[in-house]
Amino acid sequence: MKEIVISGSHMTSIEAAHEYIARKLNFPTYYGGNLDALWDVLSTLSEPMKVTMIHLDKLHSCLGQFGEDLVNVFIEAALNNEHLHFEIN
């Protein structure tokens, strides 16, 4: 299983968050850079992947409600896709 750590401290804007996540998780070039596109990619992963998010407090301080929405996309995608495991550390 591929294991990836993403840090809220690198997500200082909405655009930076999407670019960082796409780079860390090696998303396809057609990734749309929005929450719907994030859901689409995460919910259709076919290879096992564990994503651990750290520095959640920094994510929330920089992005507020968007940060919460972003985390919820990961949580819900993990509940719907057996190949994705998500945790907050």
Protein backbone atom coordinates (compact mmCIF):
# COMPACT_ATOMS: atom_id res chain seq x y z
CA MET A 1 0.00 0.00 0.00
CA LYS A 2 1.29 3.42 -0.94
CA GLU A 3 1.50 5.69 2.12
CA ILE A 4 1.45 9.46 1.77
CA VAL A 5 1.59 12.21 4.39
CA ILE A 6 0.04 15.56 3.53
CA SER A 7 0.58 18.60 5.71
CA GLY A 8 -1.93 21.35 6.35
CA SER A 9 0.97 23.77 6.70
CA HIS A 10 1.56 23.55 2.92
CA MET A 11 -2.04 24.50 2.09
CA THR A 12 -2.00 28.27 2.51
CA SER A 13 -4.61 29.01 -0.17
CA ILE A 14 -7.24 27.03 -2.04
CA GLU A 15 -5.09 26.94 -5.16
CA ALA A 16 -1.98 25.94 -3.19
CA ALA A 17 -3.96 23.18 -1.46
CA HIS A 18 -5.09 21.63 -4.74
CA GLU A 19 -1.64 21.91 -6.33
CA TYR A 20 0.01 20.37 -3.26
CA ILE A 21 -2.46 17.48 -3.01
CA ALA A 22 -2.25 16.78 -6.74
CA ARG A 23 1.55 16.67 -6.57
CA LYS A 24 1.75 14.57 -3.39
CA LEU A 25 -0.84 12.04 -4.56
CA ASN A 26 0.42 12.03 -8.15
CA PHE A 27 -2.94 12.97 -9.64
CA PRO A 28 -3.44 12.87 -13.40
CA THR A 29 -2.79 16.04 -15.37
CA TYR A 30 -6.51 16.47 -16.06
CA TYR A 31 -7.25 16.95 -12.32
CA GLY A 32 -9.62 19.92 -12.13
CA GLY A 33 -8.35 21.55 -8.95
CA ASN A 34 -11.68 21.78 -7.10
CA LEU A 35 -13.50 19.71 -4.47
CA ASP A 36 -15.66 17.87 -7.02
CA ALA A 37 -12.55 16.86 -8.97
CA LEU A 38 -10.85 15.80 -5.72
CA TRP A 39 -13.82 13.57 -4.93
CA ASP A 40 -13.75 12.11 -8.45
CA VAL A 41 -10.09 11.12 -8.20
CA LEU A 42 -10.17 9.87 -4.62
CA SER A 43 -13.37 7.89 -5.01
CA THR A 44 -12.08 6.06 -8.08
CA LEU A 45 -8.58 5.11 -6.90
CA SER A 46 -7.93 1.51 -7.83
CA GLU A 47 -4.59 1.04 -6.07
CA PRO A 48 -4.46 0.90 -2.26
CA MET A 49 -3.38 4.20 -0.74
CA LYS A 50 -3.13 5.45 2.83
CA VAL A 51 -3.22 9.22 3.25
CA THR A 52 -2.34 10.74 6.61
CA MET A 53 -3.01 14.43 7.18
CA ILE A 54 -0.88 16.30 9.69
CA HIS A 55 -1.02 19.91 10.92
CA LEU A 56 -4.79 20.08 10.60
CA ASP A 57 -4.79 23.19 12.80
CA LYS A 58 -2.74 25.09 10.20
CA LEU A 59 -5.08 23.96 7.44
CA HIS A 60 -8.05 25.35 9.36
CA SER A 61 -6.30 28.60 10.28
CA CYS A 62 -5.40 29.31 6.63
CA LEU A 63 -8.46 27.98 4.85
CA GLY A 64 -11.30 28.02 7.38
CA GLN A 65 -14.45 26.34 6.08
CA PHE A 66 -12.75 25.28 2.86
CA GLY A 67 -10.22 23.34 4.95
CA GLU A 68 -13.06 21.55 6.72
CA ASP A 69 -14.73 20.79 3.39
CA LEU A 70 -11.45 19.43 2.02
CA VAL A 71 -11.03 17.07 4.97
CA ASN A 72 -14.64 15.93 4.58
CA VAL A 73 -14.01 15.01 0.94
CA PHE A 74 -11.14 12.76 2.04
CA ILE A 75 -13.25 11.20 4.81
CA GLU A 76 -16.24 10.53 2.56
CA ALA A 77 -14.11 9.24 -0.31
CA ALA A 78 -12.42 6.80 2.09
CA LEU A 79 -15.82 5.58 3.27
CA ASN A 80 -16.86 4.96 -0.35
CA ASN A 81 -13.62 3.53 -1.75
CA GLU A 82 -12.05 0.50 -0.09
CA HIS A 83 -8.69 1.36 -1.71
CA LEU A 84 -8.39 4.67 0.14
CA HIS A 85 -7.54 4.88 3.82
CA PHE A 86 -7.48 8.32 5.40
CA GLU A 87 -6.45 9.40 8.86
CA ILE A 88 -5.67 12.59 10.69
CA ASN A 89 -2.62 12.61 12.90
